């Protein structure tokens, strides 16, 4: 295996691990979604890129390359929809939250 693809694989697994730890440790749904979206998307995209570098333009490599933008856009749009829906539903933010961007949009 190429050393660059191994490095990307290790980086990806590390980011996925940090995303999973963030899901357990962070206080509310909004922070957990941020952790899951940013860390896991970057981690999984790194793993898929390492697969593409290792396998090249074979069917496995091309599928990995196609999956990267699909995963990137689906995860970010899905996390935004979940956080917006949670806010509309009335799930409260933690007391430590500094900024509320939806407050102006959804005045009750």
PDB file of N, CA and C in Angstrom:
ATOM      1  N   UNK A   1       0.834  -1.185   0.000  1.00  0.00           N
ATOM      2  CA  UNK A   1       0.000   0.000   0.000  1.00  0.00           C
ATOM      3  C   UNK A   1       0.874   1.243   0.000  1.00  0.00           C
ATOM      4  N   UNK A   2       0.445   2.257  -0.692  1.00  0.00           N
ATOM      5  CA  UNK A   2       1.160   3.510  -0.776  1.00  0.00           C
ATOM      6  C   UNK A   2       1.170   4.194   0.596  1.00  0.00           C
ATOM      7  N   UNK A   3       2.298   4.821   0.946  1.00  0.00           N
ATOM      8  CA  UNK A   3       2.385   5.463   2.265  1.00  0.00           C
ATOM      9  C   UNK A   3       1.430   6.646   2.381  1.00  0.00           C
ATOM     10  N   UNK A   4       1.155   7.337   1.271  1.00  0.00           N
ATOM     11  CA  UNK A   4       0.208   8.455   1.297  1.00  0.00           C
ATOM     12  C   UNK A   4      -1.209   7.955   1.556  1.00  0.00           C
ATOM     13  N   UNK A   5      -1.567   6.838   0.960  1.00  0.00           N
ATOM     14  CA  UNK A   5      -2.908   6.295   1.204  1.00  0.00           C
ATOM     15  C   UNK A   5      -3.036   5.765   2.630  1.00  0.00           C
ATOM     16  N   UNK A   6      -1.951   5.237   3.176  1.00  0.00           N
ATOM     17  CA  UNK A   6      -1.980   4.799   4.572  1.00  0.00           C
ATOM     18  C   UNK A   6      -2.141   5.998   5.501  1.00  0.00           C
ATOM     19  N   UNK A   7      -1.442   7.092   5.193  1.00  0.00           N
ATOM     20  CA  UNK A   7      -1.563   8.306   6.010  1.00  0.00           C
ATOM     21  C   UNK A   7      -2.990   8.853   5.958  1.00  0.00           C
ATOM     22  N   UNK A   8      -3.592   8.868   4.768  1.00  0.00           N
ATOM     23  CA  UNK A   8      -4.976   9.327   4.655  1.00  0.00           C
ATOM     24  C   UNK A   8      -5.934   8.412   5.402  1.00  0.00           C
ATOM     25  N   UNK A   9      -5.668   7.120   5.367  1.00  0.00           N
ATOM     26  CA  UNK A   9      -6.503   6.162   6.089  1.00  0.00           C
ATOM     27  C   UNK A   9      -6.420   6.393   7.594  1.00  0.00           C
ATOM     28  N   UNK A  10      -5.223   6.608   8.100  1.00  0.00           N
ATOM     29  CA  UNK A  10      -5.038   6.865   9.537  1.00  0.00           C
ATOM     30  C   UNK A  10      -5.702   8.183   9.935  1.00  0.00           C
ATOM     31  N   UNK A  11      -5.550   9.218   9.107  1.00  0.00           N
ATOM     32  CA  UNK A  11      -6.191  10.509   9.377  1.00  0.00           C
ATOM     33  C   UNK A  11      -7.711  10.343   9.389  1.00  0.00           C
ATOM     34  N   UNK A  12      -8.230   9.604   8.429  1.00  0.00           N
ATOM     35  CA  UNK A  12      -9.668   9.388   8.359  1.00  0.00           C
ATOM     36  C   UNK A  12     -10.222   8.652   9.554  1.00  0.00           C
ATOM     37  N   UNK A  13      -9.538   7.599   9.956  1.00  0.00           N
ATOM     38  CA  UNK A  13      -9.996   6.837  11.123  1.00  0.00           C
ATOM     39  C   UNK A  13      -9.905   7.689  12.385  1.00  0.00           C
ATOM     40  N   UNK A  14      -8.872   8.517  12.485  1.00  0.00           N
ATOM     41  CA  UNK A  14      -8.727   9.397  13.643  1.00  0.00           C
ATOM     42  C   UNK A  14      -9.865  10.413  13.706  1.00  0.00           C
ATOM     43  N   UNK A  15     -10.192  11.028  12.574  1.00  0.00           N
ATOM     44  CA  UNK A  15     -11.299  11.985  12.558  1.00  0.00           C
ATOM     45  C   UNK A  15     -12.625  11.291  12.857  1.00  0.00           C
ATOM     46  N   UNK A  16     -12.831  10.105  12.340  1.00  0.00           N
ATOM     47  CA  UNK A  16     -14.047   9.362  12.656  1.00  0.00           C
ATOM     48  C   UNK A  16     -14.133   9.065  14.151  1.00  0.00           C
ATOM     49  N   UNK A  17     -13.004   8.704  14.739  1.00  0.00           N
ATOM     50  CA  UNK A  17     -12.970   8.440  16.178  1.00  0.00           C
ATOM     51  C   UNK A  17     -13.312   9.695  16.971  1.00  0.00           C
ATOM     52  N   UNK A  18     -12.732  10.847  16.580  1.00  0.00           N
ATOM     53  CA  UNK A  18     -13.044  12.101  17.274  1.00  0.00           C
ATOM     54  C   UNK A  18     -14.508  12.475  17.115  1.00  0.00           C
ATOM     55  N   UNK A  19     -15.078  12.205  15.956  1.00  0.00           N
ATOM     56  CA  UNK A  19     -16.499  12.469  15.750  1.00  0.00           C
ATOM     57  C   UNK A  19     -17.372  11.604  16.648  1.00  0.00           C
ATOM     58  N   UNK A  20     -16.992  10.345  16.807  1.00  0.00           N
ATOM     59  CA  UNK A  20     -17.747   9.447  17.693  1.00  0.00           C
ATOM     60  C   UNK A  20     -17.616   9.864  19.153  1.00  0.00           C
ATOM     61  N   UNK A  21     -16.436  10.280  19.545  1.00  0.00           N
ATOM     62  CA  UNK A  21     -16.248  10.769  20.917  1.00  0.00           C
ATOM     63  C   UNK A  21     -17.072  12.032  21.140  1.00  0.00           C
ATOM     64  N   UNK A  22     -17.128  12.898  20.127  1.00  0.00           N
ATOM     65  CA  UNK A  22     -17.936  14.106  20.234  1.00  0.00           C
ATOM     66  C   UNK A  22     -19.411  13.812  20.385  1.00  0.00           C
ATOM     67  N   UNK A  23     -19.888  12.754  19.734  1.00  0.00           N
ATOM     68  CA  UNK A  23     -21.291  12.368  19.900  1.00  0.00           C
ATOM     69  C   UNK A  23     -21.600  11.970  21.336  1.00  0.00           C
ATOM     70  N   UNK A  24     -20.638  11.395  22.011  1.00  0.00           N
ATOM     71  CA  UNK A  24     -20.847  10.952  23.391  1.00  0.00           C
ATOM     72  C   UNK A  24     -20.653  12.109  24.374  1.00  0.00           C
ATOM     73  N   UNK A  25     -19.655  12.948  24.136  1.00  0.00           N
ATOM     74  CA  UNK A  25     -19.251  13.932  25.127  1.00  0.00           C
ATOM     75  C   UNK A  25     -19.979  15.278  25.054  1.00  0.00           C
ATOM     76  N   UNK A  26     -20.428  15.689  23.897  1.00  0.00           N
ATOM     77  CA  UNK A  26     -20.989  17.035  23.768  1.00  0.00           C
ATOM     78  C   UNK A  26     -22.397  17.113  24.363  1.00  0.00           C
ATOM     79  N   UNK A  27     -22.803  18.307  24.839  1.00  0.00           N
ATOM     80  CA  UNK A  27     -23.990  18.403  25.679  1.00  0.00           C
ATOM     81  C   UNK A  27     -25.346  18.360  24.981  1.00  0.00           C
ATOM     82  N   UNK A  28     -25.481  18.912  23.789  1.00  0.00           N
ATOM     83  CA  UNK A  28     -26.811  18.955  23.182  1.00  0.00           C
ATOM     84  C   UNK A  28     -26.755  18.518  21.722  1.00  0.00           C
ATOM     85  N   UNK A  29     -27.931  18.430  21.119  1.00  0.00           N
ATOM     86  CA  UNK A  29     -28.036  17.896  19.760  1.00  0.00           C
ATOM     87  C   UNK A  29     -27.304  18.768  18.739  1.00  0.00           C
ATOM     88  N   UNK A  30     -27.285  20.063  18.957  1.00  0.00           N
ATOM     89  CA  UNK A  30     -26.664  20.974  17.995  1.00  0.00           C
ATOM     90  C   UNK A  30     -25.144  20.797  17.970  1.00  0.00           C
ATOM     91  N   UNK A  31     -24.543  20.668  19.135  1.00  0.00           N
ATOM     92  CA  UNK A  31     -23.105  20.415  19.197  1.00  0.00           C
ATOM     93  C   UNK A  31     -22.764  19.021  18.688  1.00  0.00           C
ATOM     94  N   UNK A  32     -23.610  18.059  18.968  1.00  0.00           N
ATOM     95  CA  UNK A  32     -23.370  16.699  18.498  1.00  0.00           C
ATOM     96  C   UNK A  32     -23.458  16.611  16.975  1.00  0.00           C
ATOM     97  N   UNK A  33     -24.416  17.324  16.398  1.00  0.00           N
ATOM     98  CA  UNK A  33     -24.517  17.342  14.934  1.00  0.00           C
ATOM     99  C   UNK A  33     -23.290  17.991  14.304  1.00  0.00           C
ATOM    100  N   UNK A  34     -22.796  19.041  14.938  1.00  0.00           N
ATOM    101  CA  UNK A  34     -21.589  19.696  14.423  1.00  0.00           C
ATOM    102  C   UNK A  34     -20.410  18.735  14.462  1.00  0.00           C
ATOM    103  N   UNK A  35     -20.274  18.017  15.553  1.00  0.00           N
ATOM    104  CA  UNK A  35     -19.179  17.054  15.669  1.00  0.00           C
ATOM    105  C   UNK A  35     -19.312  15.942  14.641  1.00  0.00           C
ATOM    106  N   UNK A  36     -20.505  15.414  14.523  1.00  0.00           N
ATOM    107  CA  UNK A  36     -20.718  14.309  13.591  1.00  0.00           C
ATOM    108  C   UNK A  36     -20.509  14.749  12.152  1.00  0.00           C
ATOM    109  N   UNK A  37     -21.006  15.913  11.812  1.00  0.00           N
ATOM    110  CA  UNK A  37     -20.914  16.354  10.426  1.00  0.00           C
ATOM    111  C   UNK A  37     -19.486  16.688  10.026  1.00  0.00           C
ATOM    112  N   UNK A  38     -18.829  17.503  10.806  1.00  0.00           N
ATOM    113  CA  UNK A  38     -17.491  17.943  10.411  1.00  0.00           C
ATOM    114  C   UNK A  38     -16.457  16.823  10.522  1.00  0.00           C
ATOM    115  N   UNK A  39     -16.406  16.183  11.656  1.00  0.00           N
ATOM    116  CA  UNK A  39     -15.374  15.156  11.862  1.00  0.00           C
ATOM    117  C   UNK A  39     -15.607  13.915  11.020  1.00  0.00           C
ATOM    118  N   UNK A  40     -16.809  13.416  11.034  1.00  0.00           N
ATOM    119  CA  UNK A  40     -17.066  12.162  10.335  1.00  0.00           C
ATOM    120  C   UNK A  40     -17.041  12.365   8.820  1.00  0.00           C
ATOM    121  N   UNK A  41     -17.521  13.527   8.348  1.00  0.00           N
ATOM    122  CA  UNK A  41     -17.450  13.779   6.908  1.00  0.00           C
ATOM    123  C   UNK A  41     -16.003  13.869   6.447  1.00  0.00           C
ATOM    124  N   UNK A  42     -15.194  14.628   7.161  1.00  0.00           N
ATOM    125  CA  UNK A  42     -13.782  14.732   6.789  1.00  0.00           C
ATOM    126  C   UNK A  42     -13.085  13.382   6.922  1.00  0.00           C
ATOM    127  N   UNK A  43     -13.399  12.646   7.969  1.00  0.00           N
ATOM    128  CA  UNK A  43     -12.764  11.347   8.168  1.00  0.00           C
ATOM    129  C   UNK A  43     -13.151  10.334   7.107  1.00  0.00           C
ATOM    130  N   UNK A  44     -14.432  10.251   6.803  1.00  0.00           N
ATOM    131  CA  UNK A  44     -14.880   9.279   5.819  1.00  0.00           C
ATOM    132  C   UNK A  44     -14.417   9.663   4.416  1.00  0.00           C
ATOM    133  N   UNK A  45     -14.401  10.958   4.120  1.00  0.00           N
ATOM    134  CA  UNK A  45     -13.874  11.389   2.814  1.00  0.00           C
ATOM    135  C   UNK A  45     -12.389  11.075   2.690  1.00  0.00           C
ATOM    136  N   UNK A  46     -11.642  11.196   3.783  1.00  0.00           N
ATOM    137  CA  UNK A  46     -10.221  10.829   3.755  1.00  0.00           C
ATOM    138  C   UNK A  46     -10.043   9.329   3.528  1.00  0.00           C
ATOM    139  N   UNK A  47     -10.873   8.524   4.153  1.00  0.00           N
ATOM    140  CA  UNK A  47     -10.797   7.074   3.950  1.00  0.00           C
ATOM    141  C   UNK A  47     -11.128   6.722   2.501  1.00  0.00           C
ATOM    142  N   UNK A  48     -12.163   7.345   1.952  1.00  0.00           N
ATOM    143  CA  UNK A  48     -12.530   7.078   0.561  1.00  0.00           C
ATOM    144  C   UNK A  48     -11.441   7.547  -0.404  1.00  0.00           C
ATOM    145  N   UNK A  49     -10.815   8.675  -0.106  1.00  0.00           N
ATOM    146  CA  UNK A  49      -9.717   9.152  -0.948  1.00  0.00           C
ATOM    147  C   UNK A  49      -8.522   8.208  -0.877  1.00  0.00           C
ATOM    148  N   UNK A  50      -8.272   7.649   0.299  1.00  0.00           N
ATOM    149  CA  UNK A  50      -7.168   6.678   0.404  1.00  0.00           C
ATOM    150  C   UNK A  50      -7.487   5.411  -0.388  1.00  0.00           C
ATOM    151  N   UNK A  51      -8.753   5.006  -0.413  1.00  0.00           N
ATOM    152  CA  UNK A  51      -9.141   3.868  -1.248  1.00  0.00           C
ATOM    153  C   UNK A  51      -8.912   4.163  -2.727  1.00  0.00           C
ATOM    154  N   UNK A  52      -9.256   5.379  -3.138  1.00  0.00           N
ATOM    155  CA  UNK A  52      -9.043   5.739  -4.536  1.00  0.00           C
ATOM    156  C   UNK A  52      -7.561   5.753  -4.886  1.00  0.00           C
ATOM    157  N   UNK A  53      -6.732   6.287  -3.998  1.00  0.00           N
ATOM    158  CA  UNK A  53      -5.291   6.320  -4.266  1.00  0.00           C
ATOM    159  C   UNK A  53      -4.725   4.903  -4.321  1.00  0.00           C
ATOM    160  N   UNK A  54      -5.212   4.030  -3.451  1.00  0.00           N
ATOM    161  CA  UNK A  54      -4.698   2.657  -3.428  1.00  0.00           C
ATOM    162  C   UNK A  54      -5.145   1.857  -4.653  1.00  0.00           C
ATOM    163  N   UNK A  55      -6.424   1.938  -4.999  1.00  0.00           N
ATOM    164  CA  UNK A  55      -6.948   1.107  -6.085  1.00  0.00           C
ATOM    165  C   UNK A  55      -6.906   1.785  -7.455  1.00  0.00           C
ATOM    166  N   UNK A  56      -6.758   3.089  -7.495  1.00  0.00           N
ATOM    167  CA  UNK A  56      -6.680   3.790  -8.781  1.00  0.00           C
ATOM    168  C   UNK A  56      -8.012   3.811  -9.510  1.00  0.00           C
ATOM    169  N   UNK A  57      -7.929   3.794 -10.829  1.00  0.00           N
ATOM    170  CA  UNK A  57      -9.137   3.877 -11.656  1.00  0.00           C
ATOM    171  C   UNK A  57      -9.730   2.497 -11.940  1.00  0.00           C
ATOM    172  N   UNK A  58      -9.881   1.719 -10.891  1.00  0.00           N
ATOM    173  CA  UNK A  58     -10.596   0.450 -10.978  1.00  0.00           C
ATOM    174  C   UNK A  58     -12.035   0.714 -10.526  1.00  0.00           C
ATOM    175  N   UNK A  59     -12.923  -0.261 -10.661  1.00  0.00           N
ATOM    176  CA  UNK A  59     -14.298  -0.022 -10.200  1.00  0.00           C
ATOM    177  C   UNK A  59     -14.397   0.392  -8.721  1.00  0.00           C
ATOM    178  N   UNK A  60     -13.549  -0.173  -7.874  1.00  0.00           N
ATOM    179  CA  UNK A  60     -13.564   0.197  -6.451  1.00  0.00           C
ATOM    180  C   UNK A  60     -13.121   1.647  -6.275  1.00  0.00           C
ATOM    181  N   UNK A  61     -12.051   2.039  -6.944  1.00  0.00           N
ATOM    182  CA  UNK A  61     -11.543   3.405  -6.831  1.00  0.00           C
ATOM    183  C   UNK A  61     -12.508   4.443  -7.374  1.00  0.00           C
ATOM    184  N   UNK A  62     -13.144   4.131  -8.487  1.00  0.00           N
ATOM    185  CA  UNK A  62     -14.098   5.075  -9.077  1.00  0.00           C
ATOM    186  C   UNK A  62     -15.327   5.221  -8.185  1.00  0.00           C
ATOM    187  N   UNK A  63     -15.799   4.131  -7.607  1.00  0.00           N
ATOM    188  CA  UNK A  63     -16.930   4.218  -6.681  1.00  0.00           C
ATOM    189  C   UNK A  63     -16.574   5.055  -5.455  1.00  0.00           C
ATOM    190  N   UNK A  64     -15.362   4.902  -4.954  1.00  0.00           N
ATOM    191  CA  UNK A  64     -14.925   5.710  -3.812  1.00  0.00           C
ATOM    192  C   UNK A  64     -14.858   7.182  -4.191  1.00  0.00           C
ATOM    193  N   UNK A  65     -14.370   7.464  -5.391  1.00  0.00           N
ATOM    194  CA  UNK A  65     -14.272   8.851  -5.848  1.00  0.00           C
ATOM    195  C   UNK A  65     -15.653   9.468  -6.046  1.00  0.00           C
ATOM    196  N   UNK A  66     -16.601   8.711  -6.528  1.00  0.00           N
ATOM    197  CA  UNK A  66     -17.970   9.209  -6.712  1.00  0.00           C
ATOM    198  C   UNK A  66     -18.654   9.415  -5.357  1.00  0.00           C
ATOM    199  N   UNK A  67     -18.341   8.581  -4.392  1.00  0.00           N
ATOM    200  CA  UNK A  67     -18.989   8.663  -3.081  1.00  0.00           C
ATOM    201  C   UNK A  67     -18.559   9.886  -2.280  1.00  0.00           C
ATOM    202  N   UNK A  68     -17.374  10.444  -2.553  1.00  0.00           N
ATOM    203  CA  UNK A  68     -16.881  11.574  -1.769  1.00  0.00           C
ATOM    204  C   UNK A  68     -17.802  12.795  -1.860  1.00  0.00           C
ATOM    205  N   UNK A  69     -18.119  13.315  -3.049  1.00  0.00           N
ATOM    206  CA  UNK A  69     -19.021  14.487  -3.067  1.00  0.00           C
ATOM    207  C   UNK A  69     -20.441  14.151  -2.622  1.00  0.00           C
ATOM    208  N   UNK A  70     -20.895  12.931  -2.893  1.00  0.00           N
ATOM    209  CA  UNK A  70     -22.224  12.545  -2.439  1.00  0.00           C
ATOM    210  C   UNK A  70     -22.307  12.564  -0.913  1.00  0.00           C
ATOM    211  N   UNK A  71     -21.313  11.992  -0.266  1.00  0.00           N
ATOM    212  CA  UNK A  71     -21.275  11.983   1.189  1.00  0.00           C
ATOM    213  C   UNK A  71     -21.152  13.396   1.745  1.00  0.00           C
ATOM    214  N   UNK A  72     -20.307  14.197   1.136  1.00  0.00           N
ATOM    215  CA  UNK A  72     -20.079  15.559   1.620  1.00  0.00           C
ATOM    216  C   UNK A  72     -21.372  16.368   1.602  1.00  0.00           C
ATOM    217  N   UNK A  73     -22.069  16.364   0.483  1.00  0.00           N
ATOM    218  CA  UNK A  73     -23.278  17.173   0.376  1.00  0.00           C
ATOM    219  C   UNK A  73     -24.439  16.578   1.167  1.00  0.00           C
ATOM    220  N   UNK A  74     -24.586  15.274   1.162  1.00  0.00           N
ATOM    221  CA  UNK A  74     -25.692  14.648   1.890  1.00  0.00           C
ATOM    222  C   UNK A  74     -25.538  14.841   3.398  1.00  0.00           C
ATOM    223  N   UNK A  75     -24.334  14.728   3.915  1.00  0.00           N
ATOM    224  CA  UNK A  75     -24.118  14.874   5.359  1.00  0.00           C
ATOM    225  C   UNK A  75     -24.353  16.306   5.812  1.00  0.00           C
ATOM    226  N   UNK A  76     -23.875  17.273   5.063  1.00  0.00           N
ATOM    227  CA  UNK A  76     -24.043  18.662   5.481  1.00  0.00           C
ATOM    228  C   UNK A  76     -25.492  19.113   5.376  1.00  0.00           C
ATOM    229  N   UNK A  77     -26.160  18.745   4.301  1.00  0.00           N
ATOM    230  CA  UNK A  77     -27.575  19.116   4.152  1.00  0.00           C
ATOM    231  C   UNK A  77     -28.433  18.389   5.185  1.00  0.00           C
ATOM    232  N   UNK A  78     -28.135  17.127   5.431  1.00  0.00           N
ATOM    233  CA  UNK A  78     -28.882  16.366   6.427  1.00  0.00           C
ATOM    234  C   UNK A  78     -28.705  16.927   7.831  1.00  0.00           C
ATOM    235  N   UNK A  79     -27.494  17.310   8.187  1.00  0.00           N
ATOM    236  CA  UNK A  79     -27.257  17.882   9.516  1.00  0.00           C
ATOM    237  C   UNK A  79     -27.957  19.227   9.665  1.00  0.00           C
ATOM    238  N   UNK A  80     -27.957  20.017   8.605  1.00  0.00           N
ATOM    239  CA  UNK A  80     -28.665  21.301   8.666  1.00  0.00           C
ATOM    240  C   UNK A  80     -30.164  21.083   8.835  1.00  0.00           C
ATOM    241  N   UNK A  81     -30.729  20.136   8.120  1.00  0.00           N
ATOM    242  CA  UNK A  81     -32.157  19.851   8.231  1.00  0.00           C
ATOM    243  C   UNK A  81     -32.501  19.329   9.627  1.00  0.00           C
ATOM    244  N   UNK A  82     -31.655  18.470  10.181  1.00  0.00           N
ATOM    245  CA  UNK A  82     -31.903  17.954  11.526  1.00  0.00           C
ATOM    246  C   UNK A  82     -31.816  19.052  12.583  1.00  0.00           C
ATOM    247  N   UNK A  83     -30.822  19.932  12.477  1.00  0.00           N
ATOM    248  CA  UNK A  83     -30.699  20.995  13.472  1.00  0.00           C
ATOM    249  C   UNK A  83     -31.835  21.995  13.352  1.00  0.00           C
ATOM    250  N   UNK A  84     -32.233  22.327  12.154  1.00  0.00           N
ATOM    251  CA  UNK A  84     -33.353  23.250  11.950  1.00  0.00           C
ATOM    252  C   UNK A  84     -34.662  22.634  12.459  1.00  0.00           C
ATOM    253  N   UNK A  85     -34.877  21.373  12.158  1.00  0.00           N
ATOM    254  CA  UNK A  85     -36.066  20.687  12.649  1.00  0.00           C
ATOM    255  C   UNK A  85     -36.082  20.582  14.166  1.00  0.00           C
ATOM    256  N   UNK A  86     -34.928  20.337  14.765  1.00  0.00           N
ATOM    257  CA  UNK A  86     -34.841  20.265  16.222  1.00  0.00           C
ATOM    258  C   UNK A  86     -35.168  21.608  16.854  1.00  0.00           C
ATOM    259  N   UNK A  87     -34.701  22.668  16.229  1.00  0.00           N
ATOM    260  CA  UNK A  87     -34.973  24.007  16.756  1.00  0.00           C
ATOM    261  C   UNK A  87     -36.455  24.340  16.631  1.00  0.00           C
ATOM    262  N   UNK A  88     -37.039  24.026  15.493  1.00  0.00           N
ATOM    263  CA  UNK A  88     -38.466  24.302  15.288  1.00  0.00           C
ATOM    264  C   UNK A  88     -39.305  23.470  16.256  1.00  0.00           C
ATOM    265  N   UNK A  89     -38.898  22.250  16.502  1.00  0.00           N
ATOM    266  CA  UNK A  89     -39.623  21.371  17.414  1.00  0.00           C
ATOM    267  C   UNK A  89     -39.541  21.863  18.855  1.00  0.00           C
ATOM    268  N   UNK A  90     -38.511  22.608  19.184  1.00  0.00           N
ATOM    269  CA  UNK A  90     -38.400  23.190  20.519  1.00  0.00           C
ATOM    270  C   UNK A  90     -37.346  22.581  21.406  1.00  0.00           C
ATOM    271  N   UNK A  91     -36.414  21.846  20.852  1.00  0.00           N
ATOM    272  CA  UNK A  91     -35.340  21.278  21.662  1.00  0.00           C
ATOM    273  C   UNK A  91     -34.401  22.414  22.058  1.00  0.00           C
ATOM    274  N   UNK A  92     -34.209  22.575  23.352  1.00  0.00           N
ATOM    275  CA  UNK A  92     -33.439  23.700  23.894  1.00  0.00           C
ATOM    276  C   UNK A  92     -31.946  23.479  23.726  1.00  0.00           C
ATOM    277  N   UNK A  93     -31.258  24.606  23.600  1.00  0.00           N
ATOM    278  CA  UNK A  93     -29.792  24.583  23.580  1.00  0.00           C
ATOM    279  C   UNK A  93     -29.291  24.548  25.015  1.00  0.00           C
ATOM    280  N   UNK A  94     -28.068  24.139  25.196  1.00  0.00           N
ATOM    281  CA  UNK A  94     -27.481  24.099  26.521  1.00  0.00           C
ATOM    282  C   UNK A  94     -27.245  25.522  27.032  1.00  0.00           C
ATOM    283  N   UNK A  95     -27.059  25.662  28.327  1.00  0.00           N
ATOM    284  CA  UNK A  95     -26.827  26.980  28.921  1.00  0.00           C
ATOM    285  C   UNK A  95     -25.510  27.591  28.464  1.00  0.00           C
ATOM    286  N   UNK A  96     -24.581  26.775  28.052  1.00  0.00           N
ATOM    287  CA  UNK A  96     -23.267  27.253  27.631  1.00  0.00           C
ATOM    288  C   UNK A  96     -23.245  27.750  26.191  1.00  0.00           C
ATOM    289  N   UNK A  97     -24.358  27.645  25.489  1.00  0.00           N
ATOM    290  CA  UNK A  97     -24.408  28.097  24.103  1.00  0.00           C
ATOM    291  C   UNK A  97     -24.274  29.611  24.061  1.00  0.00           C
ATOM    292  N   UNK A  98     -23.387  30.101  23.217  1.00  0.00           N
ATOM    293  CA  UNK A  98     -23.101  31.524  23.143  1.00  0.00           C
ATOM    294  C   UNK A  98     -23.955  32.212  22.085  1.00  0.00           C
ATOM    295  N   UNK A  99     -24.202  31.553  20.979  1.00  0.00           N
ATOM    296  CA  UNK A  99     -24.846  32.197  19.834  1.00  0.00           C
ATOM    297  C   UNK A  99     -26.031  31.371  19.344  1.00  0.00           C
ATOM    298  N   UNK A 100     -27.118  32.068  19.040  1.00  0.00           N
ATOM    299  CA  UNK A 100     -28.329  31.421  18.536  1.00  0.00           C
ATOM    300  C   UNK A 100     -28.716  32.090  17.214  1.00  0.00           C
ATOM    301  N   UNK A 101     -28.317  31.495  16.105  1.00  0.00           N
ATOM    302  CA  UNK A 101     -28.577  32.090  14.796  1.00  0.00           C
ATOM    303  C   UNK A 101     -30.027  31.970  14.358  1.00  0.00           C
ATOM    304  N   UNK A 102     -30.748  31.004  14.880  1.00  0.00           N
ATOM    305  CA  UNK A 102     -32.139  30.807  14.487  1.00  0.00           C
ATOM    306  C   UNK A 102     -33.122  31.691  15.264  1.00  0.00           C
ATOM    307  N   UNK A 103     -32.651  32.358  16.306  1.00  0.00           N
ATOM    308  CA  UNK A 103     -33.538  33.123  17.170  1.00  0.00           C
ATOM    309  C   UNK A 103     -34.294  34.211  16.403  1.00  0.00           C
ATOM    310  N   UNK A 104     -33.615  34.894  15.499  1.00  0.00           N
ATOM    311  CA  UNK A 104     -34.250  35.961  14.721  1.00  0.00           C
ATOM    312  C   UNK A 104     -35.249  35.379  13.706  1.00  0.00           C
ATOM    313  N   UNK A 105     -34.920  34.224  13.167  1.00  0.00           N
ATOM    314  CA  UNK A 105     -35.761  33.638  12.125  1.00  0.00           C
ATOM    315  C   UNK A 105     -37.035  33.017  12.673  1.00  0.00           C
ATOM    316  N   UNK A 106     -36.949  32.417  13.847  1.00  0.00           N
ATOM    317  CA  UNK A 106     -38.102  31.714  14.419  1.00  0.00           C
ATOM    318  C   UNK A 106     -38.512  32.347  15.730  1.00  0.00           C
ATOM    319  N   UNK A 107     -38.947  33.571  15.696  1.00  0.00           N
ATOM    320  CA  UNK A 107     -39.437  34.235  16.917  1.00  0.00           C
ATOM    321  C   UNK A 107     -40.758  33.613  17.326  1.00  0.00           C
ATOM    322  N   UNK A 108     -40.862  33.327  18.605  1.00  0.00           N
ATOM    323  CA  UNK A 108     -42.100  32.694  19.108  1.00  0.00           C
ATOM    324  C   UNK A 108     -42.916  33.692  19.883  1.00  0.00           C
TER     325      UNK A 108
END
